[in-house]
Amino acid sequence: MRQLRSLLLLSFFCVTLLMISSRLAAQCGHPAVPSDTGSREWINQIRFDGSLAKKVCSDSVRDYYLMDLTKFSCRFELLWFMNLVFQDDKLVNIDPNVDHDRMWFTAVRRYPEQEILEVFGSLFRRAQERTGQLSLQEQENWLKRNDKYHVLTPGE
């Protein structure tokens, strides 16, 4: 029964992600499914020019931002940032893959682009500060307890 519930939850998550990707693709005029080779080529052509994040496109309700994950010094810093994003009321992550060098986010259009870019910057600085406050051992311990992106291998 528990496995069935987990399977249904996973299926719901996958369908939701595909719907968001399809909407992004339709509004931006480009394929947006992360596993699609064409979308990766299009995404990789976007230049950040030193910026942490960039507004890429919009629809009638939302703006879509791409973030440069190469700016993070370590996995702990990135996942602490993601933890902060989940607590934020303006920025929403729509791309759960932290193992690429870019990640999609969205925000409601009522927030000006500069305000959202400042949210990115503020959360990034907070993640950097937290990384500096913890020893490597403390970071590893936190990751063991909180890394929701950890892919289990058979036997784990």
C-alpha atoms as a PDB file:
ATOM      1  CA  MET A   1       0.000   0.000   0.000  1.00  0.00           C
ATOM      2  CA  ARG A   2       2.820   2.373   0.895  1.00  0.00           C
ATOM      3  CA  GLN A   3       4.584   1.602  -2.390  1.00  0.00           C
ATOM      4  CA  LEU A   4       1.391   2.298  -4.321  1.00  0.00           C
ATOM      5  CA  ARG A   5       0.994   5.661  -2.574  1.00  0.00           C
ATOM      6  CA  SER A   6       4.629   6.516  -3.346  1.00  0.00           C
ATOM      7  CA  LEU A   7       4.159   5.512  -6.975  1.00  0.00           C
ATOM      8  CA  LEU A   8       1.036   7.660  -7.288  1.00  0.00           C
ATOM      9  CA  LEU A   9       2.813  10.624  -5.704  1.00  0.00           C
ATOM     10  CA  LEU A  10       5.775  10.212  -8.049  1.00  0.00           C
ATOM     11  CA  SER A  11       3.433   9.955 -11.041  1.00  0.00           C
ATOM     12  CA  PHE A  12       1.621  13.131  -9.988  1.00  0.00           C
ATOM     13  CA  PHE A  13       4.950  14.949  -9.627  1.00  0.00           C
ATOM     14  CA  CYS A  14       6.097  13.829 -13.095  1.00  0.00           C
ATOM     15  CA  VAL A  15       2.834  14.869 -14.749  1.00  0.00           C
ATOM     16  CA  THR A  16       2.969  18.258 -12.995  1.00  0.00           C
ATOM     17  CA  LEU A  17       6.561  18.809 -14.117  1.00  0.00           C
ATOM     18  CA  LEU A  18       5.657  17.925 -17.705  1.00  0.00           C
ATOM     19  CA  MET A  19       2.703  20.331 -17.643  1.00  0.00           C
ATOM     20  CA  ILE A  20       4.930  23.151 -16.385  1.00  0.00           C
ATOM     21  CA  SER A  21       7.566  22.317 -19.002  1.00  0.00           C
ATOM     22  CA  SER A  22       4.949  22.286 -21.750  1.00  0.00           C
ATOM     23  CA  ARG A  23       3.600  25.648 -20.630  1.00  0.00           C
ATOM     24  CA  LEU A  24       7.094  27.097 -20.548  1.00  0.00           C
ATOM     25  CA  ALA A  25       7.798  25.672 -23.983  1.00  0.00           C
ATOM     26  CA  ALA A  26       4.611  27.137 -25.414  1.00  0.00           C
ATOM     27  CA  GLN A  27       5.134  30.568 -23.892  1.00  0.00           C
ATOM     28  CA  CYS A  28       8.838  30.869 -24.615  1.00  0.00           C
ATOM     29  CA  GLY A  29       8.674  29.313 -28.041  1.00  0.00           C
ATOM     30  CA  HIS A  30      11.346  26.744 -27.222  1.00  0.00           C
ATOM     31  CA  PRO A  31      11.375  23.169 -26.006  1.00  0.00           C
ATOM     32  CA  ALA A  32      11.711  23.172 -22.232  1.00  0.00           C
ATOM     33  CA  VAL A  33      11.691  19.535 -21.203  1.00  0.00           C
ATOM     34  CA  PRO A  34      15.088  19.180 -19.462  1.00  0.00           C
ATOM     35  CA  SER A  35      15.662  15.677 -20.830  1.00  0.00           C
ATOM     36  CA  ASP A  36      15.113  16.852 -24.411  1.00  0.00           C
ATOM     37  CA  THR A  37      18.399  17.381 -26.292  1.00  0.00           C
ATOM     38  CA  GLY A  38      16.971  20.386 -28.152  1.00  0.00           C
ATOM     39  CA  SER A  39      16.004  22.131 -24.931  1.00  0.00           C
ATOM     40  CA  ARG A  40      19.464  21.589 -23.416  1.00  0.00           C
ATOM     41  CA  GLU A  41      21.051  23.149 -26.508  1.00  0.00           C
ATOM     42  CA  TRP A  42      18.732  26.152 -26.302  1.00  0.00           C
ATOM     43  CA  ILE A  43      19.260  26.517 -22.557  1.00  0.00           C
ATOM     44  CA  ASN A  44      23.033  26.259 -22.899  1.00  0.00           C
ATOM     45  CA  GLN A  45      23.041  29.123 -25.414  1.00  0.00           C
ATOM     46  CA  ILE A  46      21.698  31.552 -22.806  1.00  0.00           C
ATOM     47  CA  ARG A  47      24.502  33.750 -21.451  1.00  0.00           C
ATOM     48  CA  PHE A  48      24.466  35.111 -17.930  1.00  0.00           C
ATOM     49  CA  ASP A  49      27.210  37.691 -18.539  1.00  0.00           C
ATOM     50  CA  GLY A  50      28.363  37.388 -14.930  1.00  0.00           C
ATOM     51  CA  SER A  51      24.842  37.518 -13.470  1.00  0.00           C
ATOM     52  CA  LEU A  52      23.518  34.948 -11.031  1.00  0.00           C
ATOM     53  CA  ALA A  53      20.135  34.706 -12.776  1.00  0.00           C
ATOM     54  CA  LYS A  54      18.454  35.997 -15.893  1.00  0.00           C
ATOM     55  CA  LYS A  55      14.842  36.531 -16.908  1.00  0.00           C
ATOM     56  CA  VAL A  56      14.396  34.456 -20.040  1.00  0.00           C
ATOM     57  CA  CYS A  57      10.732  34.805 -20.961  1.00  0.00           C
ATOM     58  CA  SER A  58       7.228  35.550 -19.699  1.00  0.00           C
ATOM     59  CA  ASP A  59       3.652  34.543 -20.192  1.00  0.00           C
ATOM     60  CA  SER A  60       0.519  36.428 -19.141  1.00  0.00           C
ATOM     61  CA  VAL A  61       0.962  35.450 -15.473  1.00  0.00           C
ATOM     62  CA  ARG A  62       4.576  34.514 -14.813  1.00  0.00           C
ATOM     63  CA  ASP A  63       8.156  35.435 -15.600  1.00  0.00           C
ATOM     64  CA  TYR A  64      10.642  32.595 -16.076  1.00  0.00           C
ATOM     65  CA  TYR A  65      14.204  32.856 -14.822  1.00  0.00           C
ATOM     66  CA  LEU A  66      17.243  30.715 -15.416  1.00  0.00           C
ATOM     67  CA  MET A  67      19.876  30.549 -12.678  1.00  0.00           C
ATOM     68  CA  ASP A  68      23.600  29.837 -13.084  1.00  0.00           C
ATOM     69  CA  LEU A  69      24.356  27.012 -10.637  1.00  0.00           C
ATOM     70  CA  THR A  70      28.099  27.210 -11.330  1.00  0.00           C
ATOM     71  CA  LYS A  71      28.167  30.204  -8.961  1.00  0.00           C
ATOM     72  CA  PHE A  72      27.769  27.908  -5.940  1.00  0.00           C
ATOM     73  CA  SER A  73      30.967  26.808  -4.218  1.00  0.00           C
ATOM     74  CA  CYS A  74      29.632  23.446  -3.022  1.00  0.00           C
ATOM     75  CA  ARG A  75      26.553  21.231  -2.846  1.00  0.00           C
ATOM     76  CA  PHE A  76      25.757  22.401   0.679  1.00  0.00           C
ATOM     77  CA  GLU A  77      25.624  26.032  -0.453  1.00  0.00           C
ATOM     78  CA  LEU A  78      23.313  25.162  -3.365  1.00  0.00           C
ATOM     79  CA  LEU A  79      20.960  23.062  -1.253  1.00  0.00           C
ATOM     80  CA  TRP A  80      20.877  25.675   1.509  1.00  0.00           C
ATOM     81  CA  PHE A  81      19.888  28.182  -1.201  1.00  0.00           C
ATOM     82  CA  MET A  82      17.125  25.823  -2.361  1.00  0.00           C
ATOM     83  CA  ASN A  83      15.942  25.509   1.229  1.00  0.00           C
ATOM     84  CA  LEU A  84      15.704  29.311   1.390  1.00  0.00           C
ATOM     85  CA  VAL A  85      13.813  29.405  -1.930  1.00  0.00           C
ATOM     86  CA  PHE A  86      11.186  27.032  -0.519  1.00  0.00           C
ATOM     87  CA  GLN A  87      10.644  29.513   2.324  1.00  0.00           C
ATOM     88  CA  ASP A  88      10.438  32.535   0.002  1.00  0.00           C
ATOM     89  CA  ASP A  89       7.040  33.827  -1.145  1.00  0.00           C
ATOM     90  CA  LYS A  90       8.110  35.340  -4.493  1.00  0.00           C
ATOM     91  CA  LEU A  91      10.379  32.784  -6.127  1.00  0.00           C
ATOM     92  CA  VAL A  92       9.321  29.246  -7.116  1.00  0.00           C
ATOM     93  CA  ASN A  93      11.640  26.493  -8.335  1.00  0.00           C
ATOM     94  CA  ILE A  94      10.160  24.572 -11.276  1.00  0.00           C
ATOM     95  CA  ASP A  95      13.187  22.438 -12.161  1.00  0.00           C
ATOM     96  CA  PRO A  96      14.200  19.902  -9.517  1.00  0.00           C
ATOM     97  CA  ASN A  97      17.516  18.860 -11.086  1.00  0.00           C
ATOM     98  CA  VAL A  98      20.407  20.295  -9.058  1.00  0.00           C
ATOM     99  CA  ASP A  99      22.947  18.280 -11.034  1.00  0.00           C
ATOM    100  CA  HIS A 100      22.880  20.549 -14.102  1.00  0.00           C
ATOM    101  CA  ASP A 101      24.650  23.893 -14.269  1.00  0.00           C
ATOM    102  CA  ARG A 102      21.380  25.814 -14.812  1.00  0.00           C
ATOM    103  CA  MET A 103      17.995  25.712 -13.120  1.00  0.00           C
ATOM    104  CA  TRP A 104      14.530  27.154 -13.869  1.00  0.00           C
ATOM    105  CA  PHE A 105      12.542  29.360 -11.500  1.00  0.00           C
ATOM    106  CA  THR A 106       9.373  31.371 -11.907  1.00  0.00           C
ATOM    107  CA  ALA A 107       7.775  34.387 -10.260  1.00  0.00           C
ATOM    108  CA  VAL A 108       4.414  36.078 -10.629  1.00  0.00           C
ATOM    109  CA  ARG A 109       4.673  39.001 -13.075  1.00  0.00           C
ATOM    110  CA  ARG A 110       3.418  41.534 -10.528  1.00  0.00           C
ATOM    111  CA  TYR A 111       6.945  41.535  -9.085  1.00  0.00           C
ATOM    112  CA  PRO A 112       9.348  43.683 -11.112  1.00  0.00           C
ATOM    113  CA  GLU A 113      12.306  41.868 -12.669  1.00  0.00           C
ATOM    114  CA  GLN A 114      14.831  43.833 -10.588  1.00  0.00           C
ATOM    115  CA  GLU A 115      13.040  42.867  -7.375  1.00  0.00           C
ATOM    116  CA  ILE A 116      13.199  39.166  -8.284  1.00  0.00           C
ATOM    117  CA  LEU A 117      16.872  39.422  -9.244  1.00  0.00           C
ATOM    118  CA  GLU A 118      17.479  41.011  -5.835  1.00  0.00           C
ATOM    119  CA  VAL A 119      15.715  38.037  -4.204  1.00  0.00           C
ATOM    120  CA  PHE A 120      18.084  35.698  -6.045  1.00  0.00           C
ATOM    121  CA  GLY A 121      21.056  37.745  -4.841  1.00  0.00           C
ATOM    122  CA  SER A 122      19.860  37.989  -1.254  1.00  0.00           C
ATOM    123  CA  LEU A 123      19.182  34.261  -0.939  1.00  0.00           C
ATOM    124  CA  PHE A 124      22.525  33.490  -2.584  1.00  0.00           C
ATOM    125  CA  ARG A 125      24.391  35.714  -0.087  1.00  0.00           C
ATOM    126  CA  ARG A 126      22.521  34.082   2.815  1.00  0.00           C
ATOM    127  CA  ALA A 127      23.556  30.646   1.523  1.00  0.00           C
ATOM    128  CA  GLN A 128      27.173  31.796   1.251  1.00  0.00           C
ATOM    129  CA  GLU A 129      27.060  33.171   4.803  1.00  0.00           C
ATOM    130  CA  ARG A 130      25.656  29.916   6.158  1.00  0.00           C
ATOM    131  CA  THR A 131      28.317  27.918   4.333  1.00  0.00           C
ATOM    132  CA  GLY A 132      30.991  30.055   6.000  1.00  0.00           C
ATOM    133  CA  GLN A 133      29.447  29.536   9.439  1.00  0.00           C
ATOM    134  CA  LEU A 134      29.577  25.734   9.354  1.00  0.00           C
ATOM    135  CA  SER A 135      32.562  23.403   9.280  1.00  0.00           C
ATOM    136  CA  LEU A 136      32.835  20.875   6.467  1.00  0.00           C
ATOM    137  CA  GLN A 137      31.775  18.138   8.894  1.00  0.00           C
ATOM    138  CA  GLU A 138      28.677  20.115   9.925  1.00  0.00           C
ATOM    139  CA  GLN A 139      27.814  20.673   6.259  1.00  0.00           C
ATOM    140  CA  GLU A 140      28.201  16.948   5.512  1.00  0.00           C
ATOM    141  CA  ASN A 141      25.999  16.065   8.497  1.00  0.00           C
ATOM    142  CA  TRP A 142      23.314  18.514   7.336  1.00  0.00           C
ATOM    143  CA  LEU A 143      23.449  17.071   3.808  1.00  0.00           C
ATOM    144  CA  LYS A 144      23.065  13.511   5.129  1.00  0.00           C
ATOM    145  CA  ARG A 145      19.874  14.544   6.916  1.00  0.00           C
ATOM    146  CA  ASN A 146      18.437  16.984   4.371  1.00  0.00           C
ATOM    147  CA  ASP A 147      19.640  16.247   0.826  1.00  0.00           C
ATOM    148  CA  LYS A 148      16.262  15.616  -0.827  1.00  0.00           C
ATOM    149  CA  TYR A 149      17.995  15.493  -4.195  1.00  0.00           C
ATOM    150  CA  HIS A 150      20.166  12.530  -3.266  1.00  0.00           C
ATOM    151  CA  VAL A 151      19.631   9.698  -5.708  1.00  0.00           C
ATOM    152  CA  LEU A 152      19.569   6.367  -3.921  1.00  0.00           C
ATOM    153  CA  THR A 153      21.539   3.532  -5.404  1.00  0.00           C
ATOM    154  CA  PRO A 154      20.344  -0.066  -5.066  1.00  0.00           C
ATOM    155  CA  GLY A 155      21.002  -1.333  -1.558  1.00  0.00           C
ATOM    156  CA  GLU A 156      20.781   2.064   0.180  1.00  0.00           C
END
